Amino acid sequence: MASGINGFRTNFGGVRPNRFRVNVSVPTNNAIAAAAPAIAADAAGLTNFDIYCKATSVPGSSIGVIPTPWMGRVVKFSGERTYADWTVQVYDASVSASDSRTFFEKWIDVMDTRDTHDIAYKHVGSASVHWDDIMSTTGVGSHVNQTKFQKSVTMVNLFPIDISAMELSYDAVDTFAEYTITFAYDYWVPTAEGT
């Protein structure tokens, strides 16, 4: 246990929530690309996605509870694990090569087309969240290197399920237009970091 300010400072190593990176990988299977040329053609929409990503969260998970009555008591057993949907706040881009909104709209469209209602289930990708890039250095204090994140998770079999409305107003000043994307996925796994 730390004693005094110096002891606290020596033992404390917090993580800055504003130092993170988000990567999204699109479906890359050749059959999928052939069936969904819109995704393949607009993959450039993810160029600099980590720059336009304003905010997100490290996804969580929950275990259900199975209450089982026994002799006047309720015994609790662990149930099924679930993963909540994941959201990302994104700045809209005026540069076509970084137009992620159009890209995600086309991704949703190949899963369920607007006019013909063609359904496709296999257009899934993945996404990763990287954080904790502040590392201690002996005798120097600390330094920051955004190429060496220490922690990350990867969401598997991910696809967009909601693209929010993007608010526009003549009253809006000193800000950029932004929107939110919500993704569903099967599960997440810790990813090796330190590179």
N, C-alpha and C. Protein backbone atom coordinates (compact mmCIF):
# COMPACT_ATOMS: atom_id res chain seq x y z
N MET A 1 0.84 -1.19 0.00
CA MET A 1 0.00 0.00 0.00
C MET A 1 0.88 1.25 0.00
N ALA A 2 0.52 2.21 -0.84
CA ALA A 2 1.31 3.42 -0.96
C ALA A 2 1.19 4.27 0.30
N SER A 3 2.29 4.88 0.67
CA SER A 3 2.31 5.77 1.83
C SER A 3 2.82 7.13 1.37
N GLY A 4 1.94 8.13 1.37
CA GLY A 4 2.34 9.46 0.94
C GLY A 4 2.24 9.65 -0.57
N ILE A 5 2.39 10.89 -0.99
CA ILE A 5 2.25 11.24 -2.40
C ILE A 5 3.29 10.55 -3.26
N ASN A 6 4.54 10.54 -2.80
CA ASN A 6 5.59 9.92 -3.60
C ASN A 6 5.36 8.42 -3.78
N GLY A 7 4.88 7.78 -2.74
CA GLY A 7 4.58 6.36 -2.84
C GLY A 7 3.45 6.09 -3.81
N PHE A 8 2.43 6.97 -3.74
CA PHE A 8 1.31 6.83 -4.68
C PHE A 8 1.77 7.02 -6.11
N ARG A 9 2.59 8.07 -6.33
CA ARG A 9 3.07 8.36 -7.68
C ARG A 9 3.92 7.22 -8.22
N THR A 10 4.71 6.61 -7.36
CA THR A 10 5.58 5.51 -7.79
C THR A 10 4.77 4.29 -8.20
N ASN A 11 3.66 4.04 -7.52
CA ASN A 11 2.89 2.82 -7.75
C ASN A 11 1.72 2.97 -8.70
N PHE A 12 1.36 4.21 -9.02
CA PHE A 12 0.18 4.42 -9.86
C PHE A 12 0.55 4.41 -11.34
N GLY A 13 -0.22 3.69 -12.14
CA GLY A 13 0.00 3.67 -13.59
C GLY A 13 -1.34 3.67 -14.31
N GLY A 14 -1.98 4.81 -14.37
CA GLY A 14 -3.31 4.89 -14.99
C GLY A 14 -3.26 4.81 -16.51
N VAL A 15 -4.41 4.56 -17.09
CA VAL A 15 -4.55 4.46 -18.54
C VAL A 15 -5.36 5.65 -19.05
N ARG A 16 -4.84 6.35 -20.05
CA ARG A 16 -5.54 7.50 -20.61
C ARG A 16 -6.65 7.03 -21.56
N PRO A 17 -7.91 7.43 -21.30
CA PRO A 17 -9.00 6.96 -22.16
C PRO A 17 -9.03 7.64 -23.53
N ASN A 18 -8.24 8.71 -23.71
CA ASN A 18 -8.24 9.40 -25.00
C ASN A 18 -7.09 8.95 -25.89
N ARG A 19 -6.43 7.85 -25.53
CA ARG A 19 -5.35 7.32 -26.35
C ARG A 19 -5.72 5.89 -26.73
N PHE A 20 -6.29 5.77 -27.92
CA PHE A 20 -6.77 4.47 -28.38
C PHE A 20 -6.76 4.45 -29.90
N ARG A 21 -6.97 3.29 -30.45
CA ARG A 21 -7.07 3.15 -31.90
C ARG A 21 -8.11 2.07 -32.20
N VAL A 22 -8.91 2.30 -33.24
CA VAL A 22 -9.91 1.32 -33.67
C VAL A 22 -9.59 0.90 -35.11
N ASN A 23 -9.55 -0.39 -35.35
CA ASN A 23 -9.38 -0.93 -36.69
C ASN A 23 -10.60 -1.78 -37.04
N VAL A 24 -11.10 -1.63 -38.24
CA VAL A 24 -12.20 -2.47 -38.72
C VAL A 24 -11.73 -3.19 -39.98
N SER A 25 -11.90 -4.51 -39.99
CA SER A 25 -11.54 -5.32 -41.15
C SER A 25 -12.81 -5.77 -41.86
N VAL A 26 -12.85 -5.58 -43.16
CA VAL A 26 -14.04 -5.91 -43.93
C VAL A 26 -14.01 -7.38 -44.33
N PRO A 27 -15.13 -7.92 -44.77
CA PRO A 27 -15.13 -9.30 -45.27
C PRO A 27 -14.12 -9.45 -46.41
N THR A 28 -13.24 -10.45 -46.32
CA THR A 28 -12.18 -10.60 -47.31
C THR A 28 -12.27 -11.89 -48.11
N ASN A 29 -13.19 -12.78 -47.73
CA ASN A 29 -13.34 -14.02 -48.46
C ASN A 29 -13.66 -13.73 -49.93
N ASN A 30 -12.99 -14.43 -50.87
CA ASN A 30 -13.17 -14.15 -52.29
C ASN A 30 -14.62 -14.31 -52.73
N ALA A 31 -15.29 -15.34 -52.21
CA ALA A 31 -16.68 -15.56 -52.57
C ALA A 31 -17.54 -14.41 -52.08
N ILE A 32 -17.23 -13.92 -50.90
CA ILE A 32 -18.00 -12.80 -50.36
C ILE A 32 -17.75 -11.55 -51.19
N ALA A 33 -16.48 -11.32 -51.54
CA ALA A 33 -16.15 -10.14 -52.34
C ALA A 33 -16.85 -10.19 -53.70
N ALA A 34 -16.94 -11.39 -54.27
CA ALA A 34 -17.61 -11.53 -55.57
C ALA A 34 -19.10 -11.28 -55.44
N ALA A 35 -19.68 -11.73 -54.33
CA ALA A 35 -21.12 -11.55 -54.12
C ALA A 35 -21.45 -10.13 -53.69
N ALA A 36 -20.46 -9.44 -53.14
CA ALA A 36 -20.70 -8.09 -52.63
C ALA A 36 -19.64 -7.14 -53.16
N PRO A 37 -19.65 -6.86 -54.47
CA PRO A 37 -18.63 -5.98 -55.04
C PRO A 37 -18.65 -4.58 -54.44
N ALA A 38 -19.82 -4.17 -53.90
CA ALA A 38 -19.89 -2.83 -53.29
C ALA A 38 -18.94 -2.72 -52.11
N ILE A 39 -18.82 -3.79 -51.34
CA ILE A 39 -17.89 -3.77 -50.21
C ILE A 39 -16.46 -3.69 -50.71
N ALA A 40 -16.12 -4.55 -51.67
CA ALA A 40 -14.76 -4.58 -52.19
C ALA A 40 -14.39 -3.26 -52.84
N ALA A 41 -15.31 -2.69 -53.59
CA ALA A 41 -15.02 -1.46 -54.32
C ALA A 41 -14.87 -0.27 -53.39
N ASP A 42 -15.54 -0.30 -52.27
CA ASP A 42 -15.52 0.86 -51.37
C ASP A 42 -14.70 0.62 -50.10
N ALA A 43 -13.86 -0.40 -50.12
CA ALA A 43 -13.04 -0.67 -48.94
C ALA A 43 -12.16 0.51 -48.58
N ALA A 44 -11.88 1.36 -49.56
CA ALA A 44 -11.09 2.57 -49.28
C ALA A 44 -11.80 3.49 -48.31
N GLY A 45 -13.10 3.26 -48.09
CA GLY A 45 -13.83 4.09 -47.13
C GLY A 45 -13.32 3.95 -45.72
N LEU A 46 -12.52 2.94 -45.46
CA LEU A 46 -11.94 2.76 -44.13
C LEU A 46 -10.55 3.36 -44.03
N THR A 47 -10.08 4.03 -45.08
CA THR A 47 -8.79 4.71 -45.01
C THR A 47 -8.85 5.77 -43.91
N ASN A 48 -7.90 5.72 -43.02
CA ASN A 48 -7.83 6.69 -41.91
C ASN A 48 -9.02 6.59 -40.97
N PHE A 49 -9.67 5.42 -40.90
CA PHE A 49 -10.80 5.27 -39.99
C PHE A 49 -10.40 5.56 -38.55
N ASP A 50 -9.16 5.19 -38.19
CA ASP A 50 -8.69 5.45 -36.83
C ASP A 50 -8.60 6.94 -36.54
N ILE A 51 -8.43 7.76 -37.57
CA ILE A 51 -8.39 9.21 -37.38
C ILE A 51 -9.79 9.77 -37.18
N TYR A 52 -10.75 9.28 -37.97
CA TYR A 52 -12.11 9.80 -37.92
C TYR A 52 -12.94 9.21 -36.78
N CYS A 53 -12.44 8.18 -36.14
CA CYS A 53 -13.14 7.58 -35.01
C CYS A 53 -13.00 8.50 -33.79
N LYS A 54 -14.11 9.02 -33.30
CA LYS A 54 -14.09 9.98 -32.19
C LYS A 54 -14.09 9.29 -30.84
N ALA A 55 -14.91 8.26 -30.69
CA ALA A 55 -15.05 7.62 -29.38
C ALA A 55 -15.58 6.22 -29.54
N THR A 56 -15.26 5.37 -28.59
CA THR A 56 -15.79 4.02 -28.55
C THR A 56 -15.65 3.50 -27.14
N SER A 57 -15.79 2.21 -26.96
CA SER A 57 -15.59 1.60 -25.65
C SER A 57 -14.94 0.24 -25.83
N VAL A 58 -14.29 -0.22 -24.78
CA VAL A 58 -13.80 -1.60 -24.77
C VAL A 58 -15.01 -2.46 -24.44
N PRO A 59 -15.36 -3.41 -25.30
CA PRO A 59 -16.60 -4.17 -25.08
C PRO A 59 -16.55 -5.02 -23.82
N GLY A 60 -17.69 -5.22 -23.24
CA GLY A 60 -17.79 -6.06 -22.05
C GLY A 60 -18.48 -7.38 -22.39
N SER A 61 -18.75 -8.15 -21.37
CA SER A 61 -19.52 -9.38 -21.53
C SER A 61 -20.19 -9.70 -20.21
N SER A 62 -21.25 -10.50 -20.29
CA SER A 62 -22.01 -10.84 -19.09
C SER A 62 -22.29 -12.33 -19.03
N ILE A 63 -22.38 -12.84 -17.82
CA ILE A 63 -22.76 -14.23 -17.61
C ILE A 63 -24.15 -14.24 -16.97
N GLY A 64 -25.05 -15.01 -17.55
CA GLY A 64 -26.38 -15.13 -16.97
C GLY A 64 -26.36 -15.95 -15.69
N VAL A 65 -27.47 -15.92 -14.97
CA VAL A 65 -27.59 -16.66 -13.70
C VAL A 65 -28.78 -17.61 -13.80
N ILE A 66 -28.58 -18.85 -13.35
CA ILE A 66 -29.65 -19.84 -13.32
C ILE A 66 -30.02 -20.08 -11.85
N PRO A 67 -31.07 -19.42 -11.37
CA PRO A 67 -31.48 -19.65 -9.98
C PRO A 67 -32.20 -21.00 -9.86
N THR A 68 -31.74 -21.83 -8.94
CA THR A 68 -32.30 -23.17 -8.78
C THR A 68 -32.76 -23.37 -7.34
N PRO A 69 -34.08 -23.45 -7.11
CA PRO A 69 -34.58 -23.65 -5.74
C PRO A 69 -34.16 -25.02 -5.19
N TRP A 70 -33.74 -25.01 -3.92
CA TRP A 70 -33.37 -26.26 -3.26
C TRP A 70 -33.60 -26.13 -1.76
N MET A 71 -34.53 -26.89 -1.24
CA MET A 71 -34.82 -26.95 0.21
C MET A 71 -34.99 -25.57 0.82
N GLY A 72 -35.81 -24.75 0.18
CA GLY A 72 -36.11 -23.43 0.73
C GLY A 72 -35.07 -22.37 0.42
N ARG A 73 -34.02 -22.73 -0.27
CA ARG A 73 -32.99 -21.75 -0.65
C ARG A 73 -32.91 -21.68 -2.17
N VAL A 74 -32.31 -20.63 -2.67
CA VAL A 74 -32.07 -20.50 -4.10
C VAL A 74 -30.57 -20.58 -4.33
N VAL A 75 -30.17 -21.62 -5.04
CA VAL A 75 -28.75 -21.80 -5.39
C VAL A 75 -28.55 -21.23 -6.79
N LYS A 76 -27.52 -20.44 -6.97
CA LYS A 76 -27.28 -19.78 -8.25
C LYS A 76 -26.14 -20.45 -9.01
N PHE A 77 -26.40 -20.76 -10.26
CA PHE A 77 -25.39 -21.33 -11.14
C PHE A 77 -25.13 -20.36 -12.30
N SER A 78 -23.93 -20.43 -12.83
CA SER A 78 -23.61 -19.56 -13.98
C SER A 78 -24.36 -20.06 -15.21
N GLY A 79 -24.82 -19.10 -16.01
CA GLY A 79 -25.57 -19.42 -17.22
C GLY A 79 -24.76 -19.12 -18.47
N GLU A 80 -25.46 -18.63 -19.50
CA GLU A 80 -24.81 -18.38 -20.78
C GLU A 80 -24.14 -17.01 -20.80
N ARG A 81 -23.06 -16.95 -21.55
CA ARG A 81 -22.33 -15.69 -21.70
C ARG A 81 -22.91 -14.92 -22.89
N THR A 82 -23.08 -13.62 -22.72
CA THR A 82 -23.61 -12.77 -23.79
C THR A 82 -22.69 -11.57 -24.00
N TYR A 83 -22.76 -11.03 -25.21
CA TYR A 83 -21.93 -9.88 -25.58
C TYR A 83 -22.84 -8.78 -26.12
N ALA A 84 -22.80 -7.63 -25.49
CA ALA A 84 -23.65 -6.51 -25.92
C ALA A 84 -23.13 -5.92 -27.23
N ASP A 85 -24.01 -5.27 -27.98
CA ASP A 85 -23.61 -4.60 -29.21
C ASP A 85 -22.56 -3.54 -28.91
N TRP A 86 -21.76 -3.23 -29.91
CA TRP A 86 -20.62 -2.31 -29.76
C TRP A 86 -20.85 -1.07 -30.61
N THR A 87 -20.63 0.11 -30.07
CA THR A 87 -20.87 1.35 -30.80
C THR A 87 -19.59 2.16 -30.96
N VAL A 88 -19.54 2.90 -32.06
CA VAL A 88 -18.41 3.77 -32.37
C VAL A 88 -18.95 5.10 -32.84
N GLN A 89 -18.43 6.20 -32.30
CA GLN A 89 -18.78 7.53 -32.77
C GLN A 89 -17.75 7.95 -33.80
N VAL A 90 -18.23 8.45 -34.94
CA VAL A 90 -17.34 8.74 -36.07
C VAL A 90 -17.62 10.14 -36.60
N TYR A 91 -16.54 10.86 -36.93
CA TYR A 91 -16.69 12.13 -37.64
C TYR A 91 -16.97 11.83 -39.12
N ASP A 92 -17.90 12.57 -39.72
CA ASP A 92 -18.13 12.41 -41.14
C ASP A 92 -16.95 13.02 -41.89
N ALA A 93 -16.59 12.43 -43.03
CA ALA A 93 -15.42 12.88 -43.79
C ALA A 93 -15.85 13.54 -45.09
N SER A 94 -15.21 14.66 -45.41
CA SER A 94 -15.47 15.31 -46.69
C SER A 94 -14.57 14.76 -47.79
N VAL A 95 -13.63 13.91 -47.41
CA VAL A 95 -12.71 13.29 -48.37
C VAL A 95 -13.28 11.93 -48.75
N SER A 96 -13.51 11.69 -50.04
CA SER A 96 -14.19 10.47 -50.47
C SER A 96 -13.42 9.21 -50.07
N ALA A 97 -12.09 9.27 -50.03
CA ALA A 97 -11.30 8.09 -49.68
C ALA A 97 -11.48 7.70 -48.22
N SER A 98 -12.04 8.59 -47.42
CA SER A 98 -12.25 8.31 -45.99
C SER A 98 -13.72 8.33 -45.62
N ASP A 99 -14.59 8.18 -46.60
CA ASP A 99 -16.04 8.26 -46.37
C ASP A 99 -16.56 6.94 -45.80
N SER A 100 -16.37 6.76 -44.51
CA SER A 100 -16.75 5.49 -43.89
C SER A 100 -18.27 5.34 -43.80
N ARG A 101 -19.01 6.44 -43.72
CA ARG A 101 -20.47 6.33 -43.64
C ARG A 101 -21.04 5.63 -44.88
N THR A 102 -20.62 6.07 -46.06
CA THR A 102 -21.07 5.44 -47.29
C THR A 102 -20.64 3.98 -47.34
N PHE A 103 -19.43 3.72 -46.86
CA PHE A 103 -18.93 2.34 -46.84
C PHE A 103 -19.84 1.44 -45.99
N PHE A 104 -20.15 1.87 -44.77
CA PHE A 104 -20.99 1.04 -43.89
C PHE A 104 -22.43 0.94 -44.41
N GLU A 105 -22.93 1.99 -45.07
CA GLU A 105 -24.25 1.89 -45.68
C GLU A 105 -24.28 0.81 -46.75
N LYS A 106 -23.21 0.72 -47.54
CA LYS A 106 -23.16 -0.31 -48.58
C LYS A 106 -22.97 -1.69 -47.97
N TRP A 107 -22.25 -1.77 -46.86
CA TRP A 107 -22.09 -3.05 -46.18
C TRP A 107 -23.47 -3.56 -45.72
N ILE A 108 -24.26 -2.70 -45.12
CA ILE A 108 -25.61 -3.08 -44.70
C ILE A 108 -26.47 -3.45 -45.91
N ASP A 109 -26.29 -2.72 -47.00
CA ASP A 109 -27.12 -2.97 -48.18
C ASP A 109 -26.86 -4.34 -48.79
N VAL A 110 -25.62 -4.82 -48.74
CA VAL A 110 -25.36 -6.15 -49.32
C VAL A 110 -25.87 -7.26 -48.40
N MET A 111 -26.13 -6.93 -47.13
CA MET A 111 -26.71 -7.93 -46.24
C MET A 111 -28.23 -8.02 -46.41
N ASP A 112 -28.84 -6.89 -46.79
CA ASP A 112 -30.30 -6.86 -47.04
C ASP A 112 -30.55 -5.68 -47.97
N THR A 113 -30.63 -5.97 -49.27
CA THR A 113 -30.73 -4.90 -50.25
C THR A 113 -32.02 -4.11 -50.10
N ARG A 114 -31.93 -2.82 -50.40
CA ARG A 114 -33.08 -1.93 -50.21
C ARG A 114 -34.26 -2.29 -51.09
N ASP A 115 -34.00 -2.54 -52.36
CA ASP A 115 -35.12 -2.69 -53.29
C ASP A 115 -35.58 -4.13 -53.47
N THR A 116 -34.65 -5.08 -53.57
CA THR A 116 -35.04 -6.45 -53.84
C THR A 116 -35.14 -7.32 -52.59
N HIS A 117 -34.69 -6.79 -51.45
CA HIS A 117 -34.75 -7.51 -50.18
C HIS A 117 -34.00 -8.84 -50.24
N ASP A 118 -32.87 -8.83 -50.96
CA ASP A 118 -32.00 -10.01 -51.00
C ASP A 118 -31.25 -10.12 -49.68
N ILE A 119 -31.27 -11.29 -49.08
CA ILE A 119 -30.66 -11.51 -47.77
C ILE A 119 -29.35 -12.26 -47.92
N ALA A 120 -28.33 -11.82 -47.18
CA ALA A 120 -27.03 -12.52 -47.17
C ALA A 120 -26.48 -12.47 -45.75
N TYR A 121 -26.08 -13.64 -45.25
CA TYR A 121 -25.67 -13.73 -43.85
C TYR A 121 -24.15 -13.75 -43.64
N LYS A 122 -23.39 -13.94 -44.70
CA LYS A 122 -21.96 -14.21 -44.53
C LYS A 122 -21.05 -13.00 -44.65
N HIS A 123 -21.61 -11.82 -44.74
CA HIS A 123 -20.78 -10.62 -44.92
C HIS A 123 -20.33 -10.08 -43.55
N VAL A 124 -19.45 -10.82 -42.92
CA VAL A 124 -18.96 -10.42 -41.60
C VAL A 124 -17.47 -10.11 -41.66
N GLY A 125 -17.04 -9.23 -40.79
CA GLY A 125 -15.64 -8.87 -40.69
C GLY A 125 -15.20 -8.98 -39.24
N SER A 126 -14.27 -8.11 -38.85
CA SER A 126 -13.81 -8.06 -37.46
C SER A 126 -13.40 -6.63 -37.13
N ALA A 127 -13.24 -6.37 -35.87
CA ALA A 127 -12.78 -5.04 -35.43
C ALA A 127 -11.96 -5.21 -34.17
N SER A 128 -11.02 -4.31 -33.98
CA SER A 128 -10.20 -4.37 -32.77
C SER A 128 -10.08 -2.99 -32.15
N VAL A 129 -10.02 -2.98 -30.83
CA VAL A 129 -9.81 -1.76 -30.05
C VAL A 129 -8.47 -1.91 -29.34
N HIS A 130 -7.60 -0.92 -29.50
CA HIS A 130 -6.27 -0.94 -28.89
C HIS A 130 -6.17 0.23 -27.91
N TRP A 131 -5.60 -0.02 -26.75
CA TRP A 131 -5.43 1.06 -25.77
C TRP A 131 -4.24 0.77 -24.87
N ASP A 132 -3.95 1.72 -23.98
CA ASP A 132 -2.84 1.64 -23.03
C ASP A 132 -1.50 1.69 -23.74
N ASP A 133 -1.13 2.90 -24.20
CA ASP A 133 0.15 3.06 -24.89
C ASP A 133 1.15 3.87 -24.08
N ILE A 134 0.89 4.03 -22.78
CA ILE A 134 1.83 4.77 -21.93
C ILE A 134 2.62 3.77 -21.11
N MET A 135 3.93 3.75 -21.30
CA MET A 135 4.78 2.74 -20.66
C MET A 135 5.83 3.42 -19.80
N SER A 136 6.11 2.82 -18.64
CA SER A 136 7.12 3.37 -17.75
C SER A 136 8.52 3.10 -18.29
N THR A 137 9.42 4.02 -18.04
CA THR A 137 10.82 3.83 -18.41
C THR A 137 11.67 4.11 -17.18
N THR A 138 12.55 3.22 -16.83
CA THR A 138 13.34 3.32 -15.60
C THR A 138 14.16 4.60 -15.57
N GLY A 139 13.99 5.34 -14.50
CA GLY A 139 14.81 6.52 -14.27
C GLY A 139 14.43 7.74 -15.09
N VAL A 140 13.46 7.61 -15.98
CA VAL A 140 13.11 8.72 -16.85
C VAL A 140 11.71 9.25 -16.57
N GLY A 141 10.83 8.38 -16.13
CA GLY A 141 9.44 8.76 -15.90
C GLY A 141 8.56 7.94 -16.80
N SER A 142 7.92 8.56 -17.76
CA SER A 142 7.10 7.81 -18.70
C SER A 142 7.19 8.45 -20.07
N HIS A 143 6.93 7.66 -21.09
CA HIS A 143 6.90 8.20 -22.44
C HIS A 143 5.71 7.60 -23.17
N VAL A 144 5.33 8.22 -24.25
CA VAL A 144 4.16 7.79 -25.01
C VAL A 144 4.60 7.34 -26.39
N ASN A 145 4.10 6.20 -26.81
CA ASN A 145 4.39 5.69 -28.15
C ASN A 145 3.13 5.03 -28.67
N GLN A 146 2.44 5.68 -29.60
CA GLN A 146 1.16 5.16 -30.07
C GLN A 146 1.31 3.93 -30.95
N THR A 147 2.52 3.53 -31.26
CA THR A 147 2.68 2.30 -32.04
C THR A 147 2.83 1.09 -31.13
N LYS A 148 2.85 1.31 -29.82
CA LYS A 148 3.05 0.20 -28.89
C LYS A 148 1.94 0.14 -27.86
N PHE A 149 0.75 -0.16 -28.32
CA PHE A 149 -0.36 -0.36 -27.40
C PHE A 149 -0.14 -1.66 -26.64
N GLN A 150 -0.51 -1.66 -25.37
CA GLN A 150 -0.27 -2.82 -24.52
C GLN A 150 -1.48 -3.74 -24.41
N LYS A 151 -2.66 -3.23 -24.74
CA LYS A 151 -3.88 -4.03 -24.57
C LYS A 151 -4.77 -3.88 -25.81
N SER A 152 -5.47 -4.94 -26.14
CA SER A 152 -6.45 -4.86 -27.23
C SER A 152 -7.38 -6.06 -27.18
N VAL A 153 -8.55 -5.89 -27.78
CA VAL A 153 -9.49 -7.00 -27.97
C VAL A 153 -9.95 -6.97 -29.42
N THR A 154 -10.27 -8.14 -29.95
CA THR A 154 -10.78 -8.26 -31.31
C THR A 154 -12.17 -8.86 -31.27
N MET A 155 -13.10 -8.21 -31.95
CA MET A 155 -14.47 -8.71 -32.05
C MET A 155 -14.61 -9.55 -33.32
N VAL A 156 -15.12 -10.74 -33.16
CA VAL A 156 -15.14 -11.74 -34.23
C VAL A 156 -16.53 -11.83 -34.86
N ASN A 157 -16.56 -12.01 -36.19
CA ASN A 157 -17.81 -12.11 -36.96
C ASN A 157 -18.69 -10.88 -36.74
N LEU A 158 -18.11 -9.75 -37.03
CA LEU A 158 -18.75 -8.46 -36.77
C LEU A 158 -19.42 -7.92 -38.03
N PHE A 159 -20.54 -7.22 -37.84
CA PHE A 159 -21.21 -6.55 -38.96
C PHE A 159 -22.03 -5.38 -38.41
N PRO A 160 -22.21 -4.33 -39.21
CA PRO A 160 -22.97 -3.16 -38.75
C PRO A 160 -24.46 -3.47 -38.72
N ILE A 161 -25.14 -3.00 -37.68
CA ILE A 161 -26.59 -3.20 -37.59
C ILE A 161 -27.36 -1.88 -37.51
N ASP A 162 -26.66 -0.78 -37.27
CA ASP A 162 -27.35 0.51 -37.20
C ASP A 162 -26.38 1.64 -37.51
N ILE A 163 -26.80 2.52 -38.39
CA ILE A 163 -26.06 3.77 -38.66
C ILE A 163 -26.99 4.89 -38.25
N SER A 164 -26.59 5.65 -37.28
CA SER A 164 -27.49 6.66 -36.72
C SER A 164 -27.72 7.81 -37.69
N ALA A 165 -28.75 8.59 -37.39
CA ALA A 165 -28.95 9.84 -38.11
C ALA A 165 -27.79 10.77 -37.83
N MET A 166 -27.50 11.65 -38.75
CA MET A 166 -26.43 12.64 -38.56
C MET A 166 -27.07 14.02 -38.53
N GLU A 167 -26.97 14.66 -37.40
CA GLU A 167 -27.65 15.94 -37.19
C GLU A 167 -26.93 17.06 -37.94
N LEU A 168 -27.70 17.87 -38.66
CA LEU A 168 -27.19 19.05 -39.35
C LEU A 168 -28.01 20.26 -38.91
N SER A 169 -27.35 21.40 -38.73
CA SER A 169 -28.07 22.58 -38.28
C SER A 169 -27.27 23.84 -38.59
N TYR A 170 -27.96 24.91 -39.01
CA TYR A 170 -27.29 26.19 -39.19
C TYR A 170 -26.77 26.75 -37.87
N ASP A 171 -27.31 26.27 -36.76
CA ASP A 171 -26.88 26.76 -35.45
C ASP A 171 -25.59 26.11 -34.98
N ALA A 172 -25.19 25.03 -35.61
CA ALA A 172 -24.01 24.30 -35.15
C ALA A 172 -22.73 25.04 -35.55
N VAL A 173 -21.93 25.40 -34.55
CA VAL A 173 -20.66 26.08 -34.79
C VAL A 173 -19.56 25.40 -33.99
N ASP A 174 -18.33 25.58 -34.42
CA ASP A 174 -17.16 25.04 -33.72
C ASP A 174 -17.26 23.54 -33.48
N THR A 175 -17.72 22.81 -34.47
CA THR A 175 -17.83 21.36 -34.33
C THR A 175 -17.83 20.72 -35.71
N PHE A 176 -17.69 19.41 -35.75
CA PHE A 176 -17.78 18.66 -36.99
C PHE A 176 -18.98 17.72 -36.93
N ALA A 177 -19.55 17.42 -38.08
CA ALA A 177 -20.67 16.49 -38.13
C ALA A 177 -20.20 15.10 -37.72
N GLU A 178 -21.03 14.38 -37.00
CA GLU A 178 -20.66 13.04 -36.54
C GLU A 178 -21.89 12.15 -36.48
N TYR A 179 -21.65 10.87 -36.41
CA TYR A 179 -22.72 9.88 -36.34
C TYR A 179 -22.21 8.68 -35.56
N THR A 180 -23.09 7.75 -35.28
CA THR A 180 -22.75 6.56 -34.50
C THR A 180 -23.05 5.31 -35.31
N ILE A 181 -22.14 4.36 -35.27
CA ILE A 181 -22.35 3.06 -35.89
C ILE A 181 -22.45 2.02 -34.78
N THR A 182 -23.43 1.15 -34.87
CA THR A 182 -23.57 0.05 -33.92
C THR A 182 -23.31 -1.27 -34.64
N PHE A 183 -22.50 -2.10 -34.00
CA PHE A 183 -22.13 -3.39 -34.58
C PHE A 183 -22.62 -4.53 -33.69
N ALA A 184 -22.98 -5.63 -34.31
CA ALA A 184 -23.20 -6.89 -33.60
C ALA A 184 -22.01 -7.79 -33.92
N TYR A 185 -21.72 -8.73 -33.04
CA TYR A 185 -20.62 -9.66 -33.25
C TYR A 185 -20.87 -10.88 -32.38
N ASP A 186 -20.14 -11.95 -32.66
CA ASP A 186 -20.38 -13.20 -31.92
C ASP A 186 -19.69 -13.19 -30.55
N TYR A 187 -18.44 -12.76 -30.51
CA TYR A 187 -17.69 -12.73 -29.25
C TYR A 187 -16.42 -11.92 -29.46
N TRP A 188 -15.73 -11.58 -28.38
CA TRP A 188 -14.44 -10.92 -28.49
C TRP A 188 -13.36 -11.74 -27.79
N VAL A 189 -12.13 -11.55 -28.23
CA VAL A 189 -10.99 -12.26 -27.64
C VAL A 189 -9.89 -11.25 -27.35
N PRO A 190 -9.13 -11.44 -26.28
CA PRO A 190 -7.95 -10.60 -26.04
C PRO A 190 -6.94 -10.84 -27.16
N THR A 191 -6.25 -9.76 -27.55
CA THR A 191 -5.29 -9.85 -28.64
C THR A 191 -3.90 -9.54 -28.10
N ALA A 192 -2.90 -10.27 -28.55
CA ALA A 192 -1.53 -10.02 -28.13
C ALA A 192 -1.09 -8.64 -28.57
N GLU A 193 -0.44 -7.92 -27.69
CA GLU A 193 -0.01 -6.56 -28.00
C GLU A 193 1.46 -6.40 -27.63
N GLY A 194 1.87 -5.12 -27.52
CA GLY A 194 3.25 -4.83 -27.17
C GLY A 194 4.14 -4.68 -28.38
N THR A 195 3.53 -4.42 -29.56
CA THR A 195 4.32 -4.26 -30.77
C THR A 195 4.34 -2.82 -31.22
